Amino acid sequence: MTKKFSDENYNFIKKYLMMHEHLFVLIIANKTNISKLYTDINFLH
């Protein structure tokens, strides 16, 4: 991304990410568990 965020946008995004950090952690954990499950299933077959 070459286009720079304005400070206002950056601060808003930072605040949003900090507010919803636990949600992102849960989503990432779910995705890794799903991919792990998928690879385990593939390994068994």
N, C-alpha and C. Protein backbone atom coordinates (compact mmCIF):
# COMPACT_ATOMS: atom_id res chain seq x y z
N MET A 1 0.83 -1.20 0.00
CA MET A 1 0.00 0.00 0.00
C MET A 1 0.86 1.25 0.00
N THR A 2 0.81 1.98 -1.09
CA THR A 2 1.61 3.20 -1.18
C THR A 2 0.88 4.38 -0.57
N LYS A 3 -0.45 4.36 -0.61
CA LYS A 3 -1.24 5.48 -0.07
C LYS A 3 -1.15 5.49 1.45
N LYS A 4 -0.80 6.65 2.00
CA LYS A 4 -0.63 6.75 3.45
C LYS A 4 -1.95 7.08 4.12
N PHE A 5 -2.18 6.45 5.26
CA PHE A 5 -3.34 6.80 6.06
C PHE A 5 -3.13 8.16 6.71
N SER A 6 -4.23 8.90 6.85
CA SER A 6 -4.14 10.11 7.66
C SER A 6 -4.04 9.70 9.12
N ASP A 7 -3.50 10.59 9.94
CA ASP A 7 -3.35 10.29 11.37
C ASP A 7 -4.69 9.96 12.01
N GLU A 8 -5.74 10.65 11.57
CA GLU A 8 -7.06 10.43 12.13
C GLU A 8 -7.53 9.01 11.84
N ASN A 9 -7.39 8.59 10.59
CA ASN A 9 -7.77 7.23 10.22
C ASN A 9 -6.95 6.20 10.97
N TYR A 10 -5.65 6.46 11.06
CA TYR A 10 -4.75 5.53 11.74
C TYR A 10 -5.14 5.36 13.20
N ASN A 11 -5.41 6.48 13.87
CA ASN A 11 -5.81 6.41 15.28
C ASN A 11 -7.14 5.69 15.45
N PHE A 12 -8.07 5.93 14.54
CA PHE A 12 -9.36 5.26 14.60
C PHE A 12 -9.19 3.75 14.44
N ILE A 13 -8.40 3.36 13.46
CA ILE A 13 -8.17 1.93 13.21
C ILE A 13 -7.47 1.28 14.39
N LYS A 14 -6.48 1.99 14.94
CA LYS A 14 -5.76 1.46 16.11
C LYS A 14 -6.71 1.26 17.28
N LYS A 15 -7.58 2.26 17.51
CA LYS A 15 -8.55 2.17 18.60
C LYS A 15 -9.50 1.00 18.36
N TYR A 16 -9.96 0.87 17.11
CA TYR A 16 -10.89 -0.20 16.75
C TYR A 16 -10.25 -1.57 16.97
N LEU A 17 -9.00 -1.71 16.51
CA LEU A 17 -8.30 -2.99 16.66
C LEU A 17 -8.08 -3.33 18.12
N MET A 18 -7.76 -2.33 18.94
CA MET A 18 -7.56 -2.57 20.36
C MET A 18 -8.87 -2.97 21.04
N MET A 19 -9.97 -2.34 20.62
CA MET A 19 -11.28 -2.67 21.17
C MET A 19 -11.69 -4.10 20.83
N HIS A 20 -11.36 -4.53 19.61
CA HIS A 20 -11.85 -5.81 19.12
C HIS A 20 -10.74 -6.85 19.02
N GLU A 21 -9.66 -6.62 19.77
CA GLU A 21 -8.51 -7.52 19.70
C GLU A 21 -8.90 -8.95 20.04
N HIS A 22 -9.73 -9.12 21.07
CA HIS A 22 -10.12 -10.46 21.49
C HIS A 22 -10.89 -11.17 20.38
N LEU A 23 -11.69 -10.42 19.62
CA LEU A 23 -12.43 -11.03 18.51
C LEU A 23 -11.48 -11.52 17.43
N PHE A 24 -10.47 -10.69 17.10
CA PHE A 24 -9.50 -11.10 16.09
C PHE A 24 -8.72 -12.33 16.55
N VAL A 25 -8.39 -12.38 17.84
CA VAL A 25 -7.67 -13.54 18.39
C VAL A 25 -8.53 -14.79 18.25
N LEU A 26 -9.82 -14.67 18.57
CA LEU A 26 -10.72 -15.81 18.45
C LEU A 26 -10.85 -16.27 17.00
N ILE A 27 -10.98 -15.31 16.09
CA ILE A 27 -11.11 -15.65 14.67
C ILE A 27 -9.86 -16.36 14.18
N ILE A 28 -8.69 -15.83 14.54
CA ILE A 28 -7.42 -16.43 14.12
C ILE A 28 -7.30 -17.84 14.71
N ALA A 29 -7.67 -17.99 15.99
CA ALA A 29 -7.61 -19.30 16.64
C ALA A 29 -8.53 -20.29 15.94
N ASN A 30 -9.73 -19.84 15.60
CA ASN A 30 -10.67 -20.71 14.89
C ASN A 30 -10.11 -21.13 13.54
N LYS A 31 -9.52 -20.19 12.80
CA LYS A 31 -8.99 -20.51 11.48
C LYS A 31 -7.84 -21.50 11.58
N THR A 32 -6.96 -21.32 12.57
CA THR A 32 -5.83 -22.23 12.70
C THR A 32 -6.33 -23.61 13.13
N ASN A 33 -7.33 -23.66 14.00
CA ASN A 33 -7.88 -24.95 14.40
C ASN A 33 -8.54 -25.66 13.23
N ILE A 34 -9.26 -24.91 12.40
CA ILE A 34 -9.92 -25.50 11.24
C ILE A 34 -8.88 -26.03 10.26
N SER A 35 -7.83 -25.23 10.00
CA SER A 35 -6.80 -25.68 9.06
C SER A 35 -6.04 -26.88 9.63
N LYS A 36 -5.82 -26.90 10.95
CA LYS A 36 -5.16 -28.04 11.59
C LYS A 36 -6.02 -29.28 11.45
N LEU A 37 -7.32 -29.12 11.71
CA LEU A 37 -8.27 -30.23 11.56
C LEU A 37 -8.26 -30.74 10.13
N TYR A 38 -8.25 -29.82 9.17
CA TYR A 38 -8.26 -30.17 7.75
C TYR A 38 -7.01 -30.97 7.38
N THR A 39 -5.84 -30.52 7.85
CA THR A 39 -4.60 -31.24 7.54
C THR A 39 -4.58 -32.60 8.23
N ASP A 40 -5.14 -32.68 9.46
CA ASP A 40 -5.21 -33.97 10.15
C ASP A 40 -6.09 -34.95 9.39
N ILE A 41 -7.22 -34.47 8.88
CA ILE A 41 -8.12 -35.32 8.10
C ILE A 41 -7.42 -35.80 6.83
N ASN A 42 -6.72 -34.89 6.15
CA ASN A 42 -6.00 -35.26 4.94
C ASN A 42 -4.90 -36.27 5.24
N PHE A 43 -4.26 -36.11 6.38
CA PHE A 43 -3.18 -37.01 6.77
C PHE A 43 -3.72 -38.43 7.00
N LEU A 44 -4.93 -38.52 7.55
CA LEU A 44 -5.52 -39.83 7.85
C LEU A 44 -5.93 -40.58 6.58
N HIS A 45 -6.33 -39.85 5.54
CA HIS A 45 -6.83 -40.53 4.34
C HIS A 45 -5.71 -40.92 3.39
